[in-house]
Every structure is written in C-alpha cells, then in structure tokens.
C-alpha cells in the first residue's frame, strides 16, 4: 500500500497512492497513522497539497523526539506494552546496537505491566540503565525505581543499572555515562518525558 523512501530519527518520507509525503516523527507505525489521516482528509475533500503541508508541519513532542544531537538523546512517551513494542521496533530499525551503545532512562506509572515492558526494552541490549520516576504528577502513583531496577536485573542482566529518585538528577547522571555515538532513550512514561523535556 505504501513505499518507504527514507527513515531517520527525525522523520520519514513515503509514497502513498502515487503521492510523496514527509512526516517529522520516526517509526513505521507513524506512517500508518499518517495514512489513516490522509484517507480521512481526502474523504472530507481536503486538497492534496493541504494534506501534504499539514503532515509536513505537524510536530509530535515526546514521541521519539530527538532533543539532542551529540550525544543523541531521544524523548519518548511510550507507556504501555504496545507502545513500548513500537518504540523498540523503531529503535532497532534505525540504529545498530553493535555500533551504537544504547542507554535507557526509565520511569513508569505504578499500574503498568512492568515485566512485559521491560522484556521488550531488554531487546535493545542496553549497556546502561537509569531507573527514576516523574515528580510532576501528584495524583498518579509511580513505580518505585528500586522495584524497576530489581526486575531489570532479570530482564537485562548485562546492563549496568543505577537508581535516582529525582528525575533531573537521573538525567544529569545518565548523560555523564554517554560517549561518542552513544544514544540515550528516555521512555516509559508520558509524565517523565514531559517533565524532562523542560531541560532541553
């Protein structure tokens, strides 16, 4: 149905029904979302040029958002197993774990199926993991970073794991571990990524 012409962390170019489109968000699942928007807009009679321009200008903060180039730091709002799965798939399609050491900064809400999500994230073969929590949403209970770290030891035994209760300190310490060509992926919670976005 569609042909992917180019994919980077900064976006994707694809052809759909003979028209070329560009979106500023990474991941094949986002191309499928864009196609749904295209079909809907066309059914409403919106001109093709306006659809292309609308997709081109659309921003999606904290959805695989690259907020630092060197080192590469990505803010992601995946917060359930399905979203974590698309995040992992996107990362593996864009980066080679053998060439790019991957670091994770993770925080989750308390009511999430941690083991399923951590199992998916372990597929990224992370070298370093920092467990933390958001501190911006007083009405949403957060998963204890110590619990996250304990479960991570089973899912990603090769990774070095550190724990910080304060998210901005966690970010500061995680950044200290980064070397050239390393990547830091911040994910697990809309609230965590949203809070840390202010730093960038």
N, C-alpha and C. Protein backbone atom coordinates (compact mmCIF):
# COMPACT_ATOMS: atom_id res chain seq x y z
N UNK A 1 0.81 -1.21 0.00
CA UNK A 1 0.00 0.00 0.00
C UNK A 1 0.84 1.26 0.00
N UNK A 2 2.01 1.21 0.64
CA UNK A 2 2.88 2.39 0.70
C UNK A 2 4.34 1.95 0.54
N UNK A 3 5.18 2.90 0.12
CA UNK A 3 6.60 2.62 -0.06
C UNK A 3 7.40 3.61 0.77
N UNK A 4 8.22 3.09 1.65
CA UNK A 4 9.06 3.95 2.48
C UNK A 4 10.31 4.34 1.70
N UNK A 5 10.53 5.64 1.54
CA UNK A 5 11.69 6.13 0.81
C UNK A 5 12.87 6.43 1.73
N UNK A 6 12.55 6.91 2.94
CA UNK A 6 13.63 7.26 3.87
C UNK A 6 13.09 7.28 5.28
N UNK A 7 13.89 6.76 6.21
CA UNK A 7 13.53 6.81 7.63
C UNK A 7 14.74 7.23 8.45
N UNK A 8 14.58 8.24 9.29
CA UNK A 8 15.60 8.64 10.25
C UNK A 8 14.90 8.93 11.57
N UNK A 9 15.67 9.25 12.58
CA UNK A 9 15.08 9.61 13.86
C UNK A 9 14.28 10.90 13.75
N UNK A 10 14.56 11.69 12.72
CA UNK A 10 13.90 12.98 12.55
C UNK A 10 12.63 12.90 11.70
N UNK A 11 12.35 11.75 11.11
CA UNK A 11 11.13 11.64 10.34
C UNK A 11 11.21 10.61 9.23
N UNK A 12 10.14 10.53 8.44
CA UNK A 12 10.04 9.53 7.39
C UNK A 12 9.47 10.15 6.12
N UNK A 13 9.97 9.69 4.98
CA UNK A 13 9.40 10.05 3.69
C UNK A 13 8.83 8.77 3.08
N UNK A 14 7.62 8.87 2.53
CA UNK A 14 6.99 7.69 1.96
C UNK A 14 6.08 8.09 0.81
N UNK A 15 5.79 7.10 -0.05
CA UNK A 15 4.87 7.30 -1.16
C UNK A 15 3.61 6.49 -0.90
N UNK A 16 2.48 7.15 -1.08
CA UNK A 16 1.18 6.51 -0.88
C UNK A 16 0.26 6.95 -2.00
N UNK A 17 -0.24 5.99 -2.76
CA UNK A 17 -1.12 6.26 -3.90
C UNK A 17 -0.53 7.29 -4.86
N UNK A 18 0.77 7.11 -5.12
CA UNK A 18 1.44 7.97 -6.10
C UNK A 18 1.87 9.33 -5.59
N UNK A 19 1.56 9.64 -4.35
CA UNK A 19 1.93 10.94 -3.78
C UNK A 19 3.04 10.74 -2.74
N UNK A 20 3.98 11.69 -2.72
CA UNK A 20 5.07 11.62 -1.74
C UNK A 20 4.72 12.48 -0.53
N UNK A 21 4.95 11.91 0.66
CA UNK A 21 4.65 12.62 1.90
C UNK A 21 5.88 12.57 2.82
N UNK A 22 5.95 13.54 3.72
CA UNK A 22 7.00 13.55 4.73
C UNK A 22 6.38 13.88 6.07
N UNK A 23 6.75 13.10 7.08
CA UNK A 23 6.30 13.37 8.45
C UNK A 23 7.53 13.54 9.34
N UNK A 24 7.39 14.35 10.36
CA UNK A 24 8.53 14.68 11.23
C UNK A 24 8.51 13.88 12.51
N UNK A 25 8.21 12.62 12.36
CA UNK A 25 8.24 11.71 13.52
C UNK A 25 8.70 10.35 13.02
N UNK A 26 9.46 9.64 13.86
CA UNK A 26 10.05 8.38 13.44
C UNK A 26 9.12 7.21 13.69
N UNK A 27 9.30 6.16 12.89
CA UNK A 27 8.59 4.91 13.12
C UNK A 27 7.60 4.57 12.03
N UNK A 28 7.63 3.30 11.60
CA UNK A 28 6.70 2.87 10.56
C UNK A 28 5.26 2.95 11.04
N UNK A 29 5.02 2.76 12.33
CA UNK A 29 3.66 2.87 12.85
C UNK A 29 3.12 4.28 12.66
N UNK A 30 4.02 5.29 12.67
CA UNK A 30 3.57 6.66 12.45
C UNK A 30 3.22 6.90 10.97
N UNK A 31 3.86 6.17 10.08
CA UNK A 31 3.48 6.24 8.67
C UNK A 31 2.05 5.71 8.51
N UNK A 32 1.75 4.61 9.19
CA UNK A 32 0.39 4.05 9.12
C UNK A 32 -0.63 5.02 9.71
N UNK A 33 -0.25 5.70 10.78
CA UNK A 33 -1.13 6.72 11.35
C UNK A 33 -1.35 7.86 10.36
N UNK A 34 -0.27 8.25 9.67
CA UNK A 34 -0.38 9.33 8.69
C UNK A 34 -1.30 8.93 7.53
N UNK A 35 -1.21 7.69 7.11
CA UNK A 35 -2.06 7.21 6.01
C UNK A 35 -3.53 7.24 6.42
N UNK A 36 -3.81 6.90 7.66
CA UNK A 36 -5.18 7.00 8.16
C UNK A 36 -5.66 8.45 8.10
N UNK A 37 -4.78 9.38 8.48
CA UNK A 37 -5.13 10.80 8.42
C UNK A 37 -5.33 11.25 6.97
N UNK A 38 -4.49 10.75 6.06
CA UNK A 38 -4.62 11.10 4.64
C UNK A 38 -5.96 10.64 4.10
N UNK A 39 -6.29 9.39 4.35
CA UNK A 39 -7.56 8.84 3.86
C UNK A 39 -8.76 9.61 4.42
N UNK A 40 -8.69 9.95 5.69
CA UNK A 40 -9.78 10.70 6.32
C UNK A 40 -9.90 12.09 5.72
N UNK A 41 -8.76 12.77 5.56
CA UNK A 41 -8.78 14.13 5.00
C UNK A 41 -9.28 14.12 3.56
N UNK A 42 -8.87 13.13 2.78
CA UNK A 42 -9.33 13.04 1.40
C UNK A 42 -10.84 12.79 1.34
N UNK A 43 -11.34 11.96 2.24
CA UNK A 43 -12.78 11.68 2.29
C UNK A 43 -13.58 12.94 2.63
N UNK A 44 -12.92 13.87 3.33
CA UNK A 44 -13.57 15.13 3.69
C UNK A 44 -13.39 16.21 2.62
N UNK A 45 -12.67 15.85 1.54
CA UNK A 45 -12.50 16.78 0.43
C UNK A 45 -11.37 17.79 0.60
N UNK A 46 -10.47 17.52 1.53
CA UNK A 46 -9.35 18.44 1.73
C UNK A 46 -8.34 18.25 0.60
N UNK A 47 -7.86 19.35 -0.03
CA UNK A 47 -6.94 19.25 -1.16
C UNK A 47 -5.64 18.52 -0.79
N UNK A 48 -5.07 17.81 -1.76
CA UNK A 48 -3.85 17.03 -1.53
C UNK A 48 -2.69 17.89 -1.04
N UNK A 49 -2.56 19.09 -1.62
CA UNK A 49 -1.46 19.98 -1.22
C UNK A 49 -1.58 20.35 0.27
N UNK A 50 -2.80 20.62 0.72
CA UNK A 50 -3.02 20.98 2.12
C UNK A 50 -2.72 19.79 3.04
N UNK A 51 -3.05 18.58 2.58
CA UNK A 51 -2.76 17.38 3.38
C UNK A 51 -1.26 17.21 3.53
N UNK A 52 -0.53 17.35 2.42
CA UNK A 52 0.93 17.21 2.47
C UNK A 52 1.56 18.26 3.39
N UNK A 53 1.09 19.50 3.27
CA UNK A 53 1.63 20.58 4.10
C UNK A 53 1.30 20.35 5.57
N UNK A 54 0.08 19.87 5.82
CA UNK A 54 -0.33 19.61 7.20
C UNK A 54 0.53 18.55 7.86
N UNK A 55 0.79 17.47 7.14
CA UNK A 55 1.64 16.40 7.68
C UNK A 55 3.07 16.90 7.87
N UNK A 56 3.56 17.69 6.92
CA UNK A 56 4.93 18.20 6.99
C UNK A 56 5.14 19.09 8.21
N UNK A 57 4.12 19.86 8.56
CA UNK A 57 4.26 20.84 9.64
C UNK A 57 3.90 20.28 11.02
N UNK A 58 3.30 19.10 11.04
CA UNK A 58 2.85 18.54 12.31
C UNK A 58 4.04 18.14 13.20
N UNK A 59 3.99 18.56 14.44
CA UNK A 59 5.01 18.19 15.42
C UNK A 59 4.39 17.25 16.45
N UNK A 60 5.18 16.31 16.92
CA UNK A 60 4.71 15.38 17.95
C UNK A 60 5.73 15.33 19.07
N UNK A 61 5.66 16.27 19.99
CA UNK A 61 6.62 16.26 21.11
C UNK A 61 6.56 14.96 21.90
N UNK A 62 7.69 14.56 22.40
CA UNK A 62 7.95 13.36 23.21
C UNK A 62 7.44 12.06 22.58
N UNK A 63 7.38 12.05 21.25
CA UNK A 63 7.10 10.79 20.54
C UNK A 63 8.32 10.50 19.67
N UNK A 64 9.28 9.79 20.24
CA UNK A 64 10.56 9.54 19.57
C UNK A 64 11.16 10.87 19.12
N UNK A 65 11.16 11.84 20.02
CA UNK A 65 11.64 13.19 19.70
C UNK A 65 13.12 13.32 20.04
N UNK A 66 13.94 13.60 19.03
CA UNK A 66 15.37 13.83 19.24
C UNK A 66 15.55 15.25 19.79
N UNK A 67 16.03 15.35 21.02
CA UNK A 67 16.16 16.66 21.66
C UNK A 67 17.62 17.07 21.81
N UNK A 68 18.53 16.19 21.47
CA UNK A 68 19.96 16.49 21.49
C UNK A 68 20.62 15.66 20.40
N UNK A 69 21.53 16.30 19.66
CA UNK A 69 22.15 15.62 18.52
C UNK A 69 23.42 14.88 18.90
N UNK A 70 24.25 15.52 19.71
CA UNK A 70 25.54 14.92 20.05
C UNK A 70 25.83 15.14 21.53
N UNK A 71 25.56 14.17 22.39
CA UNK A 71 25.07 12.83 22.05
C UNK A 71 23.59 12.84 21.69
N UNK A 72 23.16 11.81 21.00
CA UNK A 72 21.77 11.70 20.61
C UNK A 72 20.93 11.31 21.82
N UNK A 73 19.96 12.16 22.15
CA UNK A 73 19.04 11.90 23.26
C UNK A 73 17.62 11.95 22.71
N UNK A 74 16.86 10.90 23.00
CA UNK A 74 15.51 10.76 22.45
C UNK A 74 14.50 10.72 23.59
N UNK A 75 13.50 11.58 23.51
CA UNK A 75 12.39 11.58 24.47
C UNK A 75 11.22 10.82 23.87
N UNK A 76 10.69 9.87 24.63
CA UNK A 76 9.61 9.04 24.12
C UNK A 76 8.55 8.86 25.20
N UNK A 77 7.30 8.87 24.79
CA UNK A 77 6.21 8.80 25.76
C UNK A 77 5.53 7.43 25.83
N UNK A 78 6.18 6.40 25.28
CA UNK A 78 5.59 5.05 25.33
C UNK A 78 5.34 4.66 26.79
N UNK A 79 4.11 4.23 27.09
CA UNK A 79 3.76 3.97 28.48
C UNK A 79 2.89 2.71 28.66
N UNK A 80 2.83 1.89 27.62
CA UNK A 80 2.14 0.60 27.74
C UNK A 80 2.84 -0.40 26.83
N UNK A 81 2.56 -1.69 26.95
CA UNK A 81 3.30 -2.69 26.17
C UNK A 81 3.26 -2.48 24.66
N UNK A 82 2.11 -2.11 24.10
CA UNK A 82 2.03 -1.91 22.65
C UNK A 82 2.91 -0.76 22.19
N UNK A 83 2.89 0.33 22.94
CA UNK A 83 3.70 1.49 22.56
C UNK A 83 5.19 1.21 22.76
N UNK A 84 5.53 0.52 23.84
CA UNK A 84 6.94 0.15 24.05
C UNK A 84 7.42 -0.74 22.90
N UNK A 85 6.56 -1.63 22.44
CA UNK A 85 6.93 -2.52 21.34
C UNK A 85 7.25 -1.73 20.08
N UNK A 86 6.43 -0.70 19.75
CA UNK A 86 6.71 0.10 18.56
C UNK A 86 7.97 0.94 18.75
N UNK A 87 8.21 1.39 19.97
CA UNK A 87 9.44 2.14 20.25
C UNK A 87 10.66 1.26 20.02
N UNK A 88 10.63 0.05 20.54
CA UNK A 88 11.76 -0.88 20.36
C UNK A 88 11.95 -1.21 18.88
N UNK A 89 10.87 -1.47 18.18
CA UNK A 89 10.95 -1.78 16.75
C UNK A 89 11.56 -0.62 15.98
N UNK A 90 11.15 0.59 16.31
CA UNK A 90 11.69 1.77 15.64
C UNK A 90 13.17 1.94 15.93
N UNK A 91 13.56 1.79 17.18
CA UNK A 91 14.97 1.92 17.53
C UNK A 91 15.83 0.90 16.80
N UNK A 92 15.37 -0.35 16.73
CA UNK A 92 16.14 -1.40 16.06
C UNK A 92 16.20 -1.19 14.56
N UNK A 93 15.19 -0.51 13.99
CA UNK A 93 15.21 -0.25 12.55
C UNK A 93 16.13 0.92 12.19
N UNK A 94 16.39 1.79 13.15
CA UNK A 94 17.19 2.99 12.88
C UNK A 94 18.64 2.88 13.34
N UNK A 95 18.88 2.07 14.36
CA UNK A 95 20.21 2.02 14.96
C UNK A 95 20.69 0.58 15.13
N UNK A 96 22.00 0.41 15.03
CA UNK A 96 22.62 -0.90 15.18
C UNK A 96 23.22 -0.99 16.58
N UNK A 97 22.68 -1.86 17.44
CA UNK A 97 23.21 -1.98 18.80
C UNK A 97 24.70 -2.31 18.86
N UNK A 98 25.24 -2.88 17.77
CA UNK A 98 26.67 -3.21 17.73
C UNK A 98 27.53 -1.96 17.51
N UNK A 99 26.95 -0.93 16.90
CA UNK A 99 27.69 0.31 16.61
C UNK A 99 27.35 1.44 17.57
N UNK A 100 26.14 1.42 18.07
CA UNK A 100 25.67 2.49 18.95
C UNK A 100 25.30 1.92 20.32
N UNK A 101 26.11 2.21 21.33
CA UNK A 101 25.76 1.78 22.68
C UNK A 101 24.50 2.51 23.12
N UNK A 102 23.52 1.75 23.56
CA UNK A 102 22.25 2.34 23.96
C UNK A 102 22.14 2.42 25.47
N UNK A 103 21.72 3.58 25.94
CA UNK A 103 21.46 3.81 27.35
C UNK A 103 19.97 4.10 27.50
N UNK A 104 19.40 3.64 28.60
CA UNK A 104 17.98 3.89 28.87
C UNK A 104 17.82 4.69 30.15
N UNK A 105 16.89 5.63 30.12
CA UNK A 105 16.44 6.32 31.33
C UNK A 105 14.96 6.03 31.44
N UNK A 106 14.57 5.28 32.47
CA UNK A 106 13.22 4.73 32.54
C UNK A 106 12.47 5.18 33.79
N UNK A 107 11.18 5.38 33.61
CA UNK A 107 10.27 5.62 34.72
C UNK A 107 8.88 5.20 34.29
N UNK A 108 8.10 4.64 35.19
CA UNK A 108 6.77 4.12 34.84
C UNK A 108 5.76 4.51 35.90
N UNK A 109 4.51 4.54 35.51
CA UNK A 109 3.44 4.65 36.49
C UNK A 109 3.26 3.30 37.18
N UNK A 110 2.72 3.31 38.37
CA UNK A 110 2.66 2.11 39.20
C UNK A 110 1.77 1.01 38.62
N UNK A 111 0.73 1.40 37.88
CA UNK A 111 -0.27 0.43 37.42
C UNK A 111 0.09 -0.24 36.09
N UNK A 112 1.32 -0.14 35.65
CA UNK A 112 1.72 -0.69 34.36
C UNK A 112 2.28 -2.11 34.51
N UNK A 113 2.13 -2.93 33.45
CA UNK A 113 2.71 -4.30 33.47
C UNK A 113 4.22 -4.23 33.23
N UNK A 114 4.96 -3.97 34.29
CA UNK A 114 6.40 -3.70 34.18
C UNK A 114 7.17 -4.81 33.48
N UNK A 115 6.93 -6.06 33.86
CA UNK A 115 7.72 -7.15 33.31
C UNK A 115 7.61 -7.24 31.80
N UNK A 116 6.40 -7.08 31.27
CA UNK A 116 6.20 -7.13 29.81
C UNK A 116 6.94 -6.00 29.12
N UNK A 117 6.89 -4.82 29.71
CA UNK A 117 7.53 -3.66 29.10
C UNK A 117 9.05 -3.76 29.18
N UNK A 118 9.55 -4.20 30.32
CA UNK A 118 11.00 -4.35 30.48
C UNK A 118 11.55 -5.46 29.60
N UNK A 119 10.76 -6.52 29.38
CA UNK A 119 11.18 -7.60 28.49
C UNK A 119 11.40 -7.06 27.07
N UNK A 120 10.49 -6.21 26.63
CA UNK A 120 10.64 -5.60 25.30
C UNK A 120 11.87 -4.70 25.24
N UNK A 121 12.04 -3.87 26.24
CA UNK A 121 13.17 -2.93 26.25
C UNK A 121 14.51 -3.65 26.33
N UNK A 122 14.53 -4.83 26.94
CA UNK A 122 15.77 -5.61 27.02
C UNK A 122 16.26 -6.04 25.65
N UNK A 123 15.36 -6.10 24.66
CA UNK A 123 15.74 -6.46 23.29
C UNK A 123 16.70 -5.44 22.68
N UNK A 124 16.74 -4.25 23.25
CA UNK A 124 17.65 -3.21 22.76
C UNK A 124 19.08 -3.42 23.25
N UNK A 125 19.28 -4.42 24.10
CA UNK A 125 20.60 -4.74 24.63
C UNK A 125 21.28 -3.50 25.23
N UNK A 126 20.59 -2.83 26.16
CA UNK A 126 21.16 -1.59 26.72
C UNK A 126 22.41 -1.85 27.54
N UNK A 127 23.36 -0.91 27.44
CA UNK A 127 24.60 -1.02 28.20
C UNK A 127 24.46 -0.41 29.60
N UNK A 128 23.65 0.63 29.67
CA UNK A 128 23.46 1.35 30.93
C UNK A 128 21.98 1.70 31.07
N UNK A 129 21.44 1.50 32.27
CA UNK A 129 20.04 1.85 32.52
C UNK A 129 19.96 2.67 33.81
N UNK A 130 19.24 3.77 33.73
CA UNK A 130 18.98 4.60 34.90
C UNK A 130 17.49 4.52 35.20
N UNK A 131 17.14 4.10 36.41
CA UNK A 131 15.74 4.00 36.83
C UNK A 131 15.41 5.21 37.69
N UNK A 132 14.27 5.84 37.37
CA UNK A 132 13.84 7.01 38.13
C UNK A 132 12.32 7.06 38.14
N UNK A 133 11.78 8.23 38.42
CA UNK A 133 10.33 8.43 38.45
C UNK A 133 10.04 9.88 38.10
N UNK A 134 8.83 10.15 37.64
CA UNK A 134 8.45 11.55 37.47
C UNK A 134 8.03 12.10 38.83
N UNK A 135 8.16 13.40 38.98
CA UNK A 135 7.74 14.03 40.24
C UNK A 135 6.81 15.21 39.96
N UNK A 136 6.17 15.19 38.78
CA UNK A 136 5.36 16.33 38.36
C UNK A 136 3.86 16.08 38.48
N UNK A 137 3.46 14.81 38.67
CA UNK A 137 2.03 14.48 38.69
C UNK A 137 1.68 13.91 40.06
N UNK A 138 1.12 14.78 40.91
CA UNK A 138 0.88 14.39 42.30
C UNK A 138 -0.21 13.33 42.45
N UNK A 139 -1.05 13.17 41.42
CA UNK A 139 -2.19 12.26 41.55
C UNK A 139 -1.99 10.92 40.84
N UNK A 140 -0.82 10.72 40.25
CA UNK A 140 -0.52 9.45 39.59
C UNK A 140 0.61 8.76 40.34
N UNK A 141 0.32 7.59 40.93
CA UNK A 141 1.35 6.86 41.64
C UNK A 141 2.40 6.35 40.66
N UNK A 142 3.64 6.41 41.07
CA UNK A 142 4.74 5.99 40.20
C UNK A 142 5.34 4.69 40.69
N UNK A 143 5.90 3.94 39.76
CA UNK A 143 6.61 2.70 40.12
C UNK A 143 7.90 3.07 40.84
N UNK A 144 8.18 2.37 41.90
CA UNK A 144 9.40 2.61 42.68
C UNK A 144 10.61 2.26 41.82
N UNK A 145 11.55 3.20 41.63
CA UNK A 145 12.75 2.90 40.83
C UNK A 145 13.53 1.70 41.33
N UNK A 146 13.46 1.43 42.63
CA UNK A 146 14.16 0.26 43.17
C UNK A 146 13.52 -1.04 42.69
N UNK A 147 12.20 -1.02 42.55
CA UNK A 147 11.49 -2.18 42.00
C UNK A 147 11.84 -2.36 40.53
N UNK A 148 11.87 -1.25 39.80
CA UNK A 148 12.25 -1.29 38.38
C UNK A 148 13.64 -1.91 38.23
N UNK A 149 14.58 -1.42 39.04
CA UNK A 149 15.96 -1.92 38.96
C UNK A 149 16.04 -3.41 39.28
N UNK A 150 15.31 -3.84 40.28
CA UNK A 150 15.33 -5.25 40.66
C UNK A 150 14.83 -6.14 39.53
N UNK A 151 13.75 -5.72 38.87
CA UNK A 151 13.20 -6.51 37.76
C UNK A 151 14.09 -6.43 36.53
N UNK A 152 14.76 -5.30 36.36
CA UNK A 152 15.68 -5.15 35.22
C UNK A 152 16.85 -6.13 35.31
N UNK A 153 17.27 -6.43 36.52
CA UNK A 153 18.40 -7.35 36.68
C UNK A 153 18.09 -8.72 36.10
N UNK A 154 16.80 -9.08 36.08
CA UNK A 154 16.40 -10.34 35.47
C UNK A 154 16.27 -10.21 33.96
N UNK A 155 15.73 -9.07 33.51
CA UNK A 155 15.44 -8.89 32.08
C UNK A 155 16.68 -8.48 31.28
N UNK A 156 17.56 -7.68 31.89
CA UNK A 156 18.75 -7.18 31.18
C UNK A 156 19.97 -7.32 32.08
N UNK A 157 20.40 -8.56 32.34
CA UNK A 157 21.49 -8.78 33.28
C UNK A 157 22.83 -8.19 32.83
N UNK A 158 22.96 -7.91 31.53
CA UNK A 158 24.23 -7.38 31.02
C UNK A 158 24.38 -5.88 31.29
N UNK A 159 23.28 -5.22 31.62
CA UNK A 159 23.30 -3.76 31.77
C UNK A 159 23.73 -3.33 33.17
N UNK A 160 24.42 -2.20 33.22
CA UNK A 160 24.72 -1.56 34.49
C UNK A 160 23.51 -0.70 34.85
N UNK A 161 23.06 -0.81 36.09
CA UNK A 161 21.83 -0.14 36.50
C UNK A 161 22.10 0.81 37.66
N UNK A 162 21.56 2.03 37.53
CA UNK A 162 21.66 2.99 38.63
C UNK A 162 20.27 3.55 38.93
N UNK A 163 20.09 4.03 40.15
CA UNK A 163 18.79 4.48 40.63
C UNK A 163 18.89 5.91 41.16
N UNK A 164 17.94 6.76 40.73
CA UNK A 164 17.84 8.11 41.27
C UNK A 164 16.37 8.45 41.43
N UNK A 165 16.00 8.97 42.59
CA UNK A 165 14.60 9.29 42.84
C UNK A 165 14.20 10.61 42.18
N UNK A 166 15.15 11.50 41.96
CA UNK A 166 14.85 12.81 41.38
C UNK A 166 15.16 12.76 39.88
N UNK A 167 14.18 13.03 39.00
CA UNK A 167 14.36 12.81 37.57
C UNK A 167 15.44 13.67 36.91
N UNK A 168 15.59 14.92 37.33
CA UNK A 168 16.60 15.76 36.68
C UNK A 168 18.01 15.34 37.08
N UNK A 169 18.17 14.85 38.30
CA UNK A 169 19.47 14.30 38.69
C UNK A 169 19.74 13.01 37.92
N UNK A 170 18.68 12.20 37.75
CA UNK A 170 18.82 10.97 36.97
C UNK A 170 19.30 11.29 35.56
N UNK A 171 18.72 12.32 34.96
CA UNK A 171 19.13 12.72 33.61
C UNK A 171 20.59 13.19 33.60
N UNK A 172 20.95 14.01 34.57
CA UNK A 172 22.32 14.51 34.65
C UNK A 172 23.32 13.37 34.76
N UNK A 173 23.03 12.40 35.62
CA UNK A 173 23.94 11.28 35.82
C UNK A 173 23.97 10.35 34.61
N UNK A 174 22.81 10.16 33.97
CA UNK A 174 22.76 9.31 32.77
C UNK A 174 23.60 9.93 31.66
N UNK A 175 23.54 11.25 31.52
CA UNK A 175 24.31 11.94 30.46
C UNK A 175 25.81 11.81 30.68
N UNK A 176 26.24 11.72 31.93
CA UNK A 176 27.67 11.57 32.23
C UNK A 176 28.24 10.28 31.66
N UNK A 177 27.40 9.26 31.51
CA UNK A 177 27.86 7.95 31.04
C UNK A 177 27.98 7.88 29.52
N UNK A 178 27.44 8.87 28.82
CA UNK A 178 27.40 8.81 27.36
C UNK A 178 28.75 9.11 26.73
N UNK A 179 29.11 8.32 25.73
CA UNK A 179 30.31 8.54 24.93
C UNK A 179 29.89 8.82 23.50
N UNK A 180 30.87 9.12 22.66
CA UNK A 180 30.59 9.43 21.26
C UNK A 180 29.83 8.26 20.60
N UNK A 181 28.80 8.59 19.85
CA UNK A 181 27.93 7.63 19.14
C UNK A 181 26.99 6.87 20.06
N UNK A 182 27.01 7.16 21.36
CA UNK A 182 26.04 6.54 22.26
C UNK A 182 24.68 7.22 22.10
N UNK A 183 23.64 6.51 22.51
CA UNK A 183 22.27 7.02 22.42
C UNK A 183 21.60 6.86 23.78
N UNK A 184 20.90 7.90 24.21
CA UNK A 184 20.10 7.83 25.43
C UNK A 184 18.63 7.90 25.04
N UNK A 185 17.90 6.85 25.37
CA UNK A 185 16.46 6.80 25.14
C UNK A 185 15.75 6.96 26.48
N UNK A 186 14.92 7.98 26.58
CA UNK A 186 14.12 8.24 27.78
C UNK A 186 12.70 7.81 27.48
N UNK A 187 12.18 6.84 28.23
CA UNK A 187 10.86 6.31 27.89
C UNK A 187 10.19 5.70 29.11
N UNK A 188 8.94 5.25 28.92
CA UNK A 188 8.20 4.56 29.97
C UNK A 188 7.04 5.34 30.54
N UNK A 189 7.06 6.67 30.35
CA UNK A 189 6.03 7.49 30.98
C UNK A 189 5.86 8.81 30.24
N UNK A 190 4.63 9.17 29.94
CA UNK A 190 4.33 10.50 29.39
C UNK A 190 4.78 11.57 30.36
N UNK A 191 4.56 11.33 31.65
CA UNK A 191 4.88 12.33 32.67
C UNK A 191 6.39 12.52 32.82
N UNK A 192 7.15 11.43 32.78
CA UNK A 192 8.60 11.54 32.90
C UNK A 192 9.19 12.30 31.71
N UNK A 193 8.85 11.87 30.49
CA UNK A 193 9.40 12.54 29.31
C UNK A 193 8.93 13.98 29.23
N UNK A 194 7.67 14.22 29.59
CA UNK A 194 7.15 15.57 29.57
C UNK A 194 7.87 16.48 30.57
N UNK A 195 8.15 15.94 31.75
CA UNK A 195 8.86 16.72 32.76
C UNK A 195 10.28 17.02 32.33
N UNK A 196 10.98 16.03 31.81
CA UNK A 196 12.38 16.21 31.43
C UNK A 196 12.54 17.06 30.18
N UNK A 197 11.50 17.18 29.37
CA UNK A 197 11.59 17.98 28.14
C UNK A 197 11.96 19.43 28.46
N UNK A 198 11.54 19.91 29.63
CA UNK A 198 11.86 21.29 30.02
C UNK A 198 13.37 21.52 30.09
N UNK A 199 14.14 20.46 30.37
CA UNK A 199 15.59 20.57 30.45
C UNK A 199 16.20 20.94 29.10
N UNK A 200 15.52 20.51 28.02
CA UNK A 200 16.08 20.70 26.67
C UNK A 200 15.52 21.93 25.98
